[in-house]
Full PDB file with SEQRES, HELIX, SHEET, SSBOND, CRYST1, ORIGX, SCALE, CONECT and MASTER records, all heavy atoms in Angstrom:
SEQRES   1 A   37  PRO TYR LEU ALA ILE LEU PRO GLY GLY ILE TRP LEU ALA          
SEQRES   2 A   37  ALA PHE PHE ILE LEU PRO LEU PHE ILE MET LEU SER LEU          
SEQRES   3 A   37  SER THR GLN THR GLY ASN LEU ILE THR GLY PHE                  
HELIX    1 AA1 LEU A    6  LEU A   12  1                                   7    
HELIX    2 AA2 ALA A   13  ILE A   17  3                                   5    
HELIX    3 AA3 LEU A   18  SER A   27  1                                  10    
CRYST1    1.000    1.000    1.000  90.00  90.00  90.00 P 1           1          
ORIGX1      1.000000  0.000000  0.000000        0.00000                         
ORIGX2      0.000000  1.000000  0.000000        0.00000                         
ORIGX3      0.000000  0.000000  1.000000        0.00000                         
SCALE1      1.000000  0.000000  0.000000        0.00000                         
SCALE2      0.000000  1.000000  0.000000        0.00000                         
SCALE3      0.000000  0.000000  1.000000        0.00000                         
ATOM      1  N   PRO A   1     -36.311  12.806   6.176  1.00  0.00           N  
ATOM      2  CA  PRO A   1     -35.306  12.748   5.072  1.00  0.00           C  
ATOM      3  C   PRO A   1     -34.269  11.590   5.105  1.00  0.00           C  
ATOM      4  O   PRO A   1     -33.867  11.143   4.272  1.00  0.00           O  
ATOM      5  CB  PRO A   1     -34.584  14.054   5.265  1.00  0.00           C  
ATOM      6  CG  PRO A   1     -35.600  15.019   5.903  1.00  0.00           C  
ATOM      7  CD  PRO A   1     -36.319  14.026   6.837  1.00  0.00           C  
ATOM      8  N   TYR A   2     -33.832  11.364   6.416  1.00  0.00           N  
ATOM      9  CA  TYR A   2     -32.819  10.297   6.586  1.00  0.00           C  
ATOM     10  C   TYR A   2     -33.354   8.957   6.315  1.00  0.00           C  
ATOM     11  O   TYR A   2     -32.711   8.071   5.643  1.00  0.00           O  
ATOM     12  CB  TYR A   2     -32.232  10.358   8.093  1.00  0.00           C  
ATOM     13  CG  TYR A   2     -31.509  11.589   8.359  1.00  0.00           C  
ATOM     14  CD1 TYR A   2     -32.199  12.645   9.092  1.00  0.00           C  
ATOM     15  CD2 TYR A   2     -30.313  11.855   7.817  1.00  0.00           C  
ATOM     16  CE1 TYR A   2     -31.602  13.824   9.414  1.00  0.00           C  
ATOM     17  CE2 TYR A   2     -29.595  13.038   8.135  1.00  0.00           C  
ATOM     18  CZ  TYR A   2     -30.254  14.001   8.995  1.00  0.00           C  
ATOM     19  OH  TYR A   2     -29.525  15.190   9.282  1.00  0.00           O  
ATOM     20  N   LEU A   3     -34.637   8.675   6.641  1.00  0.00           N  
ATOM     21  CA  LEU A   3     -35.355   7.498   6.392  1.00  0.00           C  
ATOM     22  C   LEU A   3     -35.577   7.278   4.877  1.00  0.00           C  
ATOM     23  O   LEU A   3     -35.472   6.230   4.295  1.00  0.00           O  
ATOM     24  CB  LEU A   3     -36.605   7.352   7.156  1.00  0.00           C  
ATOM     25  CG  LEU A   3     -36.477   7.272   8.578  1.00  0.00           C  
ATOM     26  CD1 LEU A   3     -37.915   7.298   9.188  1.00  0.00           C  
ATOM     27  CD2 LEU A   3     -35.824   5.962   9.042  1.00  0.00           C  
ATOM     28  N   ALA A   4     -35.721   8.487   4.208  1.00  0.00           N  
ATOM     29  CA  ALA A   4     -35.915   8.347   2.749  1.00  0.00           C  
ATOM     30  C   ALA A   4     -34.693   7.989   2.028  1.00  0.00           C  
ATOM     31  O   ALA A   4     -34.777   7.202   1.020  1.00  0.00           O  
ATOM     32  CB  ALA A   4     -36.483   9.796   2.265  1.00  0.00           C  
ATOM     33  N   ILE A   5     -33.470   8.341   2.406  1.00  0.00           N  
ATOM     34  CA  ILE A   5     -32.185   7.981   1.845  1.00  0.00           C  
ATOM     35  C   ILE A   5     -31.725   6.797   2.300  1.00  0.00           C  
ATOM     36  O   ILE A   5     -30.739   6.260   1.885  1.00  0.00           O  
ATOM     37  CB  ILE A   5     -31.282   9.177   1.850  1.00  0.00           C  
ATOM     38  CG1 ILE A   5     -30.844   9.343   3.255  1.00  0.00           C  
ATOM     39  CG2 ILE A   5     -31.750  10.479   1.248  1.00  0.00           C  
ATOM     40  CD1 ILE A   5     -29.701  10.426   3.432  1.00  0.00           C  
ATOM     41  N   LEU A   6     -32.301   6.121   3.280  1.00  0.00           N  
ATOM     42  CA  LEU A   6     -31.716   4.950   3.936  1.00  0.00           C  
ATOM     43  C   LEU A   6     -31.603   3.768   2.951  1.00  0.00           C  
ATOM     44  O   LEU A   6     -30.517   3.234   2.865  1.00  0.00           O  
ATOM     45  CB  LEU A   6     -32.572   4.569   5.206  1.00  0.00           C  
ATOM     46  CG  LEU A   6     -32.034   3.322   5.970  1.00  0.00           C  
ATOM     47  CD1 LEU A   6     -30.646   3.544   6.539  1.00  0.00           C  
ATOM     48  CD2 LEU A   6     -33.152   2.942   7.017  1.00  0.00           C  
ATOM     49  N   PRO A   7     -32.610   3.491   2.109  1.00  0.00           N  
ATOM     50  CA  PRO A   7     -32.456   2.373   1.219  1.00  0.00           C  
ATOM     51  C   PRO A   7     -31.283   2.653   0.179  1.00  0.00           C  
ATOM     52  O   PRO A   7     -30.493   1.733  -0.034  1.00  0.00           O  
ATOM     53  CB  PRO A   7     -33.736   2.346   0.428  1.00  0.00           C  
ATOM     54  CG  PRO A   7     -34.854   2.931   1.358  1.00  0.00           C  
ATOM     55  CD  PRO A   7     -34.097   3.954   2.174  1.00  0.00           C  
ATOM     56  N   GLY A   8     -31.175   3.924  -0.267  1.00  0.00           N  
ATOM     57  CA  GLY A   8     -30.072   4.167  -1.144  1.00  0.00           C  
ATOM     58  C   GLY A   8     -28.716   4.077  -0.466  1.00  0.00           C  
ATOM     59  O   GLY A   8     -27.740   3.680  -0.961  1.00  0.00           O  
ATOM     60  N   GLY A   9     -28.659   4.523   0.832  1.00  0.00           N  
ATOM     61  CA  GLY A   9     -27.475   4.469   1.544  1.00  0.00           C  
ATOM     62  C   GLY A   9     -27.113   2.874   1.884  1.00  0.00           C  
ATOM     63  O   GLY A   9     -25.904   2.702   1.751  1.00  0.00           O  
ATOM     64  N   ILE A  10     -27.986   2.109   2.041  1.00  0.00           N  
ATOM     65  CA  ILE A  10     -27.637   0.706   2.377  1.00  0.00           C  
ATOM     66  C   ILE A  10     -27.158   0.095   1.146  1.00  0.00           C  
ATOM     67  O   ILE A  10     -26.167  -0.658   1.107  1.00  0.00           O  
ATOM     68  CB  ILE A  10     -28.994  -0.104   2.777  1.00  0.00           C  
ATOM     69  CG1 ILE A  10     -29.258   0.475   4.306  1.00  0.00           C  
ATOM     70  CG2 ILE A  10     -28.704  -1.550   2.909  1.00  0.00           C  
ATOM     71  CD1 ILE A  10     -30.592  -0.093   4.859  1.00  0.00           C  
ATOM     72  N   TRP A  11     -27.822   0.345  -0.040  1.00  0.00           N  
ATOM     73  CA  TRP A  11     -27.403  -0.154  -1.370  1.00  0.00           C  
ATOM     74  C   TRP A  11     -25.947   0.316  -1.692  1.00  0.00           C  
ATOM     75  O   TRP A  11     -25.075  -0.480  -2.113  1.00  0.00           O  
ATOM     76  CB  TRP A  11     -28.356   0.339  -2.363  1.00  0.00           C  
ATOM     77  CG  TRP A  11     -28.003  -0.140  -3.835  1.00  0.00           C  
ATOM     78  CD1 TRP A  11     -27.243   0.425  -4.702  1.00  0.00           C  
ATOM     79  CD2 TRP A  11     -28.563  -1.331  -4.496  1.00  0.00           C  
ATOM     80  NE1 TRP A  11     -27.153  -0.356  -5.775  1.00  0.00           N  
ATOM     81  CE2 TRP A  11     -28.074  -1.391  -5.722  1.00  0.00           C  
ATOM     82  CE3 TRP A  11     -29.512  -2.332  -4.007  1.00  0.00           C  
ATOM     83  CZ2 TRP A  11     -28.369  -2.390  -6.641  1.00  0.00           C  
ATOM     84  CZ3 TRP A  11     -29.748  -3.338  -4.953  1.00  0.00           C  
ATOM     85  CH2 TRP A  11     -29.237  -3.409  -6.263  1.00  0.00           C  
ATOM     86  N   LEU A  12     -25.678   1.564  -1.372  1.00  0.00           N  
ATOM     87  CA  LEU A  12     -24.339   2.171  -1.716  1.00  0.00           C  
ATOM     88  C   LEU A  12     -23.259   1.539  -0.797  1.00  0.00           C  
ATOM     89  O   LEU A  12     -22.191   1.151  -1.293  1.00  0.00           O  
ATOM     90  CB  LEU A  12     -24.376   3.725  -1.498  1.00  0.00           C  
ATOM     91  CG  LEU A  12     -23.043   4.507  -1.780  1.00  0.00           C  
ATOM     92  CD1 LEU A  12     -22.773   4.368  -3.282  1.00  0.00           C  
ATOM     93  CD2 LEU A  12     -23.218   5.940  -1.395  1.00  0.00           C  
ATOM     94  N   ALA A  13     -23.636   1.335   0.459  1.00  0.00           N  
ATOM     95  CA  ALA A  13     -22.710   0.671   1.400  1.00  0.00           C  
ATOM     96  C   ALA A  13     -22.416  -0.724   1.042  1.00  0.00           C  
ATOM     97  O   ALA A  13     -21.271  -1.273   1.076  1.00  0.00           O  
ATOM     98  CB  ALA A  13     -23.140   0.807   2.922  1.00  0.00           C  
ATOM     99  N   ALA A  14     -23.401  -1.381   0.662  1.00  0.00           N  
ATOM    100  CA  ALA A  14     -23.379  -2.868   0.411  1.00  0.00           C  
ATOM    101  C   ALA A  14     -22.653  -3.142  -0.875  1.00  0.00           C  
ATOM    102  O   ALA A  14     -21.845  -4.187  -0.952  1.00  0.00           O  
ATOM    103  CB  ALA A  14     -24.615  -3.582   0.447  1.00  0.00           C  
ATOM    104  N   PHE A  15     -22.800  -2.322  -2.001  1.00  0.00           N  
ATOM    105  CA  PHE A  15     -22.334  -2.627  -3.338  1.00  0.00           C  
ATOM    106  C   PHE A  15     -21.273  -1.770  -3.752  1.00  0.00           C  
ATOM    107  O   PHE A  15     -20.707  -1.913  -4.866  1.00  0.00           O  
ATOM    108  CB  PHE A  15     -23.415  -2.659  -4.249  1.00  0.00           C  
ATOM    109  CG  PHE A  15     -24.487  -3.772  -4.052  1.00  0.00           C  
ATOM    110  CD1 PHE A  15     -25.623  -3.414  -3.388  1.00  0.00           C  
ATOM    111  CD2 PHE A  15     -24.192  -5.046  -4.446  1.00  0.00           C  
ATOM    112  CE1 PHE A  15     -26.555  -4.418  -3.094  1.00  0.00           C  
ATOM    113  CE2 PHE A  15     -25.077  -6.121  -4.152  1.00  0.00           C  
ATOM    114  CZ  PHE A  15     -26.293  -5.774  -3.592  1.00  0.00           C  
ATOM    115  N   PHE A  16     -20.933  -0.785  -2.845  1.00  0.00           N  
ATOM    116  CA  PHE A  16     -19.736   0.195  -3.289  1.00  0.00           C  
ATOM    117  C   PHE A  16     -18.727   0.241  -2.161  1.00  0.00           C  
ATOM    118  O   PHE A  16     -17.554   0.071  -2.476  1.00  0.00           O  
ATOM    119  CB  PHE A  16     -20.200   1.503  -3.785  1.00  0.00           C  
ATOM    120  CG  PHE A  16     -19.155   2.552  -4.064  1.00  0.00           C  
ATOM    121  CD1 PHE A  16     -18.494   2.375  -5.321  1.00  0.00           C  
ATOM    122  CD2 PHE A  16     -18.680   3.490  -3.216  1.00  0.00           C  
ATOM    123  CE1 PHE A  16     -17.377   3.184  -5.545  1.00  0.00           C  
ATOM    124  CE2 PHE A  16     -17.737   4.371  -3.513  1.00  0.00           C  
ATOM    125  CZ  PHE A  16     -17.059   4.230  -4.714  1.00  0.00           C  
ATOM    126  N   ILE A  17     -19.143   0.767  -1.124  1.00  0.00           N  
ATOM    127  CA  ILE A  17     -18.120   1.059   0.004  1.00  0.00           C  
ATOM    128  C   ILE A  17     -17.610  -0.263   0.470  1.00  0.00           C  
ATOM    129  O   ILE A  17     -16.373  -0.458   0.740  1.00  0.00           O  
ATOM    130  CB  ILE A  17     -18.901   1.791   1.133  1.00  0.00           C  
ATOM    131  CG1 ILE A  17     -19.425   3.094   0.601  1.00  0.00           C  
ATOM    132  CG2 ILE A  17     -17.926   2.045   2.323  1.00  0.00           C  
ATOM    133  CD1 ILE A  17     -20.300   4.015   1.629  1.00  0.00           C  
ATOM    134  N   LEU A  18     -18.408  -1.253   0.788  1.00  0.00           N  
ATOM    135  CA  LEU A  18     -17.765  -2.535   1.319  1.00  0.00           C  
ATOM    136  C   LEU A  18     -16.866  -3.247   0.291  1.00  0.00           C  
ATOM    137  O   LEU A  18     -15.754  -3.627   0.668  1.00  0.00           O  
ATOM    138  CB  LEU A  18     -18.921  -3.432   1.756  1.00  0.00           C  
ATOM    139  CG  LEU A  18     -18.589  -4.743   2.244  1.00  0.00           C  
ATOM    140  CD1 LEU A  18     -17.801  -4.714   3.502  1.00  0.00           C  
ATOM    141  CD2 LEU A  18     -19.818  -5.676   2.527  1.00  0.00           C  
ATOM    142  N   PRO A  19     -17.283  -3.437  -0.956  1.00  0.00           N  
ATOM    143  CA  PRO A  19     -16.388  -3.857  -1.991  1.00  0.00           C  
ATOM    144  C   PRO A  19     -15.098  -3.064  -2.201  1.00  0.00           C  
ATOM    145  O   PRO A  19     -14.051  -3.701  -2.331  1.00  0.00           O  
ATOM    146  CB  PRO A  19     -17.167  -3.898  -3.333  1.00  0.00           C  
ATOM    147  CG  PRO A  19     -18.569  -3.978  -2.830  1.00  0.00           C  
ATOM    148  CD  PRO A  19     -18.650  -3.178  -1.626  1.00  0.00           C  
ATOM    149  N   LEU A  20     -15.274  -1.750  -1.958  1.00  0.00           N  
ATOM    150  CA  LEU A  20     -14.027  -0.934  -2.080  1.00  0.00           C  
ATOM    151  C   LEU A  20     -13.039  -1.149  -0.808  1.00  0.00           C  
ATOM    152  O   LEU A  20     -11.814  -1.284  -1.159  1.00  0.00           O  
ATOM    153  CB  LEU A  20     -14.389   0.533  -2.059  1.00  0.00           C  
ATOM    154  CG  LEU A  20     -13.373   1.650  -2.101  1.00  0.00           C  
ATOM    155  CD1 LEU A  20     -12.528   1.426  -3.483  1.00  0.00           C  
ATOM    156  CD2 LEU A  20     -13.851   2.979  -2.125  1.00  0.00           C  
ATOM    157  N   PHE A  21     -13.499  -1.319   0.288  1.00  0.00           N  
ATOM    158  CA  PHE A  21     -12.721  -1.747   1.429  1.00  0.00           C  
ATOM    159  C   PHE A  21     -12.137  -3.076   1.227  1.00  0.00           C  
ATOM    160  O   PHE A  21     -10.911  -3.273   1.555  1.00  0.00           O  
ATOM    161  CB  PHE A  21     -13.437  -1.634   2.798  1.00  0.00           C  
ATOM    162  CG  PHE A  21     -13.523  -0.210   3.281  1.00  0.00           C  
ATOM    163  CD1 PHE A  21     -14.731   0.490   3.198  1.00  0.00           C  
ATOM    164  CD2 PHE A  21     -12.395   0.433   3.857  1.00  0.00           C  
ATOM    165  CE1 PHE A  21     -14.776   1.711   3.846  1.00  0.00           C  
ATOM    166  CE2 PHE A  21     -12.483   1.660   4.463  1.00  0.00           C  
ATOM    167  CZ  PHE A  21     -13.632   2.290   4.253  1.00  0.00           C  
ATOM    168  N   ILE A  22     -12.815  -4.034   0.626  1.00  0.00           N  
ATOM    169  CA  ILE A  22     -12.352  -5.310   0.393  1.00  0.00           C  
ATOM    170  C   ILE A  22     -11.230  -5.292  -0.559  1.00  0.00           C  
ATOM    171  O   ILE A  22      -9.995  -5.936  -0.451  1.00  0.00           O  
ATOM    172  CB  ILE A  22     -13.405  -6.280   0.022  1.00  0.00           C  
ATOM    173  CG1 ILE A  22     -14.360  -6.597   1.186  1.00  0.00           C  
ATOM    174  CG2 ILE A  22     -12.770  -7.605  -0.496  1.00  0.00           C  
ATOM    175  CD1 ILE A  22     -15.608  -7.321   0.697  1.00  0.00           C  
ATOM    176  N   MET A  23     -11.406  -4.490  -1.579  1.00  0.00           N  
ATOM    177  CA  MET A  23     -10.365  -4.368  -2.614  1.00  0.00           C  
ATOM    178  C   MET A  23      -9.041  -3.632  -2.174  1.00  0.00           C  
ATOM    179  O   MET A  23      -8.030  -4.007  -2.364  1.00  0.00           O  
ATOM    180  CB  MET A  23     -10.992  -3.537  -3.900  1.00  0.00           C  
ATOM    181  CG  MET A  23     -10.021  -3.604  -5.005  1.00  0.00           C  
ATOM    182  SD  MET A  23     -10.819  -3.005  -6.452  1.00  0.00           S  
ATOM    183  CE  MET A  23     -11.159  -1.184  -6.052  1.00  0.00           C  
ATOM    184  N   LEU A  24      -9.265  -2.581  -1.178  1.00  0.00           N  
ATOM    185  CA  LEU A  24      -8.233  -2.001  -0.456  1.00  0.00           C  
ATOM    186  C   LEU A  24      -7.334  -3.028   0.252  1.00  0.00           C  
ATOM    187  O   LEU A  24      -6.209  -3.043   0.287  1.00  0.00           O  
ATOM    188  CB  LEU A  24      -8.570  -0.822   0.248  1.00  0.00           C  
ATOM    189  CG  LEU A  24      -9.015   0.470  -0.432  1.00  0.00           C  
ATOM    190  CD1 LEU A  24      -9.773   1.384   0.499  1.00  0.00           C  
ATOM    191  CD2 LEU A  24      -7.871   1.053  -1.049  1.00  0.00           C  
ATOM    192  N   SER A  25      -8.056  -3.781   0.986  1.00  0.00           N  
ATOM    193  CA  SER A  25      -7.418  -4.828   1.861  1.00  0.00           C  
ATOM    194  C   SER A  25      -6.622  -5.900   0.969  1.00  0.00           C  
ATOM    195  O   SER A  25      -5.460  -6.185   1.245  1.00  0.00           O  
ATOM    196  CB  SER A  25      -8.531  -5.540   2.687  1.00  0.00           C  
ATOM    197  OG  SER A  25      -7.837  -6.681   3.503  1.00  0.00           O  
ATOM    198  N   LEU A  26      -7.327  -6.433  -0.180  1.00  0.00           N  
ATOM    199  CA  LEU A  26      -6.541  -7.275  -1.068  1.00  0.00           C  
ATOM    200  C   LEU A  26      -5.374  -6.652  -1.635  1.00  0.00           C  
ATOM    201  O   LEU A  26      -4.470  -7.443  -1.888  1.00  0.00           O  
ATOM    202  CB  LEU A  26      -7.664  -7.707  -2.069  1.00  0.00           C  
ATOM    203  CG  LEU A  26      -8.645  -8.795  -1.889  1.00  0.00           C  
ATOM    204  CD1 LEU A  26      -9.645  -8.966  -3.021  1.00  0.00           C  
ATOM    205  CD2 LEU A  26      -7.872 -10.151  -1.618  1.00  0.00           C  
ATOM    206  N   SER A  27      -5.379  -5.378  -1.943  1.00  0.00           N  
ATOM    207  CA  SER A  27      -4.259  -4.767  -2.684  1.00  0.00           C  
ATOM    208  C   SER A  27      -3.006  -4.901  -1.863  1.00  0.00           C  
ATOM    209  O   SER A  27      -1.906  -4.647  -2.501  1.00  0.00           O  
ATOM    210  CB  SER A  27      -4.659  -3.408  -3.064  1.00  0.00           C  
ATOM    211  OG  SER A  27      -4.780  -2.584  -1.860  1.00  0.00           O  
ATOM    212  N   THR A  28      -3.006  -4.969  -0.513  1.00  0.00           N  
ATOM    213  CA  THR A  28      -1.736  -5.070   0.183  1.00  0.00           C  
ATOM    214  C   THR A  28      -1.534  -6.489   0.748  1.00  0.00           C  
ATOM    215  O   THR A  28      -0.761  -6.604   1.582  1.00  0.00           O  
ATOM    216  CB  THR A  28      -1.847  -4.135   1.334  1.00  0.00           C  
ATOM    217  OG1 THR A  28      -3.060  -4.443   2.135  1.00  0.00           O  
ATOM    218  CG2 THR A  28      -1.908  -2.600   0.878  1.00  0.00           C  
ATOM    219  N   GLN A  29      -2.159  -7.535   0.228  1.00  0.00           N  
ATOM    220  CA  GLN A  29      -1.949  -8.865   0.670  1.00  0.00           C  
ATOM    221  C   GLN A  29      -0.928  -9.559  -0.306  1.00  0.00           C  
ATOM    222  O   GLN A  29      -0.611  -9.081  -1.488  1.00  0.00           O  
ATOM    223  CB  GLN A  29      -3.218  -9.588   0.599  1.00  0.00           C  
ATOM    224  CG  GLN A  29      -4.163  -9.147   1.548  1.00  0.00           C  
ATOM    225  CD  GLN A  29      -5.578  -9.920   1.611  1.00  0.00           C  
ATOM    226  OE1 GLN A  29      -5.585 -11.000   1.056  1.00  0.00           O  
ATOM    227  NE2 GLN A  29      -6.550  -9.449   2.263  1.00  0.00           N  
ATOM    228  N   THR A  30      -0.400 -10.621   0.219  1.00  0.00           N  
ATOM    229  CA  THR A  30       0.510 -11.490  -0.637  1.00  0.00           C  
ATOM    230  C   THR A  30       0.033 -12.932  -0.530  1.00  0.00           C  
ATOM    231  O   THR A  30      -0.774 -13.354   0.294  1.00  0.00           O  
ATOM    232  CB  THR A  30       1.923 -11.423  -0.198  1.00  0.00           C  
ATOM    233  OG1 THR A  30       1.885 -11.755   1.274  1.00  0.00           O  
ATOM    234  CG2 THR A  30       2.560 -10.048  -0.328  1.00  0.00           C  
ATOM    235  N   GLY A  31       0.381 -13.738  -1.619  1.00  0.00           N  
ATOM    236  CA  GLY A  31       0.005 -15.223  -1.568  1.00  0.00           C  
ATOM    237  C   GLY A  31      -0.447 -15.504  -2.884  1.00  0.00           C  
ATOM    238  O   GLY A  31      -0.235 -14.821  -3.922  1.00  0.00           O  
ATOM    239  N   ASN A  32      -1.129 -16.640  -3.011  1.00  0.00           N  
ATOM    240  CA  ASN A  32      -1.702 -17.212  -4.161  1.00  0.00           C  
ATOM    241  C   ASN A  32      -2.958 -17.939  -3.922  1.00  0.00           C  
ATOM    242  O   ASN A  32      -3.366 -18.095  -2.756  1.00  0.00           O  
ATOM    243  CB  ASN A  32      -0.718 -18.004  -5.032  1.00  0.00           C  
ATOM    244  CG  ASN A  32      -0.169 -19.117  -4.112  1.00  0.00           C  
ATOM    245  OD1 ASN A  32      -0.931 -20.107  -3.592  1.00  0.00           O  
ATOM    246  ND2 ASN A  32       1.132 -19.195  -3.860  1.00  0.00           N  
ATOM    247  N   LEU A  33      -3.649 -18.425  -5.001  1.00  0.00           N  
ATOM    248  CA  LEU A  33      -4.910 -18.942  -4.841  1.00  0.00           C  
ATOM    249  C   LEU A  33      -4.922 -20.311  -4.110  1.00  0.00           C  
ATOM    250  O   LEU A  33      -5.786 -20.721  -3.388  1.00  0.00           O  
ATOM    251  CB  LEU A  33      -5.574 -19.153  -6.184  1.00  0.00           C  
ATOM    252  CG  LEU A  33      -7.030 -19.395  -6.178  1.00  0.00           C  
ATOM    253  CD1 LEU A  33      -7.843 -18.349  -5.556  1.00  0.00           C  
ATOM    254  CD2 LEU A  33      -7.643 -19.641  -7.584  1.00  0.00           C  
ATOM    255  N   ILE A  34      -3.772 -21.012  -4.194  1.00  0.00           N  
ATOM    256  CA  ILE A  34      -3.566 -22.355  -3.715  1.00  0.00           C  
ATOM    257  C   ILE A  34      -3.266 -22.265  -2.136  1.00  0.00           C  
ATOM    258  O   ILE A  34      -3.954 -22.848  -1.422  1.00  0.00           O  
ATOM    259  CB  ILE A  34      -2.331 -23.052  -4.331  1.00  0.00           C  
ATOM    260  CG1 ILE A  34      -2.797 -23.265  -5.844  1.00  0.00           C  
ATOM    261  CG2 ILE A  34      -2.152 -24.482  -3.775  1.00  0.00           C  
ATOM    262  CD1 ILE A  34      -1.636 -23.981  -6.687  1.00  0.00           C  
ATOM    263  N   THR A  35      -2.229 -21.467  -1.756  1.00  0.00           N  
ATOM    264  CA  THR A  35      -1.805 -21.352  -0.359  1.00  0.00           C  
ATOM    265  C   THR A  35      -2.740 -20.299   0.445  1.00  0.00           C  
ATOM    266  O   THR A  35      -2.685 -20.300   1.606  1.00  0.00           O  
ATOM    267  CB  THR A  35      -0.411 -21.066  -0.173  1.00  0.00           C  
ATOM    268  OG1 THR A  35      -0.119 -19.796  -0.898  1.00  0.00           O  
ATOM    269  CG2 THR A  35       0.433 -22.093  -0.881  1.00  0.00           C  
ATOM    270  N   GLY A  36      -3.439 -19.517  -0.359  1.00  0.00           N  
ATOM    271  CA  GLY A  36      -4.318 -18.509   0.324  1.00  0.00           C  
ATOM    272  C   GLY A  36      -3.520 -17.146   0.245  1.00  0.00           C  
ATOM    273  O   GLY A  36      -2.303 -17.094   0.083  1.00  0.00           O  
ATOM    274  N   PHE A  37      -4.335 -16.101   0.581  1.00  0.00           N  
ATOM    275  CA  PHE A  37      -3.827 -14.758   0.594  1.00  0.00           C  
ATOM    276  C   PHE A  37      -3.678 -14.319   2.048  1.00  0.00           C  
ATOM    277  O   PHE A  37      -4.545 -14.629   2.862  1.00  0.00           O  
ATOM    278  CB  PHE A  37      -4.666 -13.844  -0.172  1.00  0.00           C  
ATOM    279  CG  PHE A  37      -4.724 -14.137  -1.693  1.00  0.00           C  
ATOM    280  CD1 PHE A  37      -5.848 -14.844  -2.191  1.00  0.00           C  
ATOM    281  CD2 PHE A  37      -3.574 -13.888  -2.462  1.00  0.00           C  
ATOM    282  CE1 PHE A  37      -5.842 -15.135  -3.577  1.00  0.00           C  
ATOM    283  CE2 PHE A  37      -3.726 -14.162  -3.935  1.00  0.00           C  
ATOM    284  CZ  PHE A  37      -4.802 -14.882  -4.415  1.00  0.00           C  
TER     285      PHE A  37                                                      
MASTER        0    0    0    3    0    0    0    6  284    1    0    3          
END                                                                             
């Protein structure tokens, strides 16, 4: 059963969980596009 859900889990991690953590990290940063965040 775990192998069966593995592709879906990888997809969810790559396109939902990881972007969500990146967005959470960005939300507490400061700076701008020129000097960097």
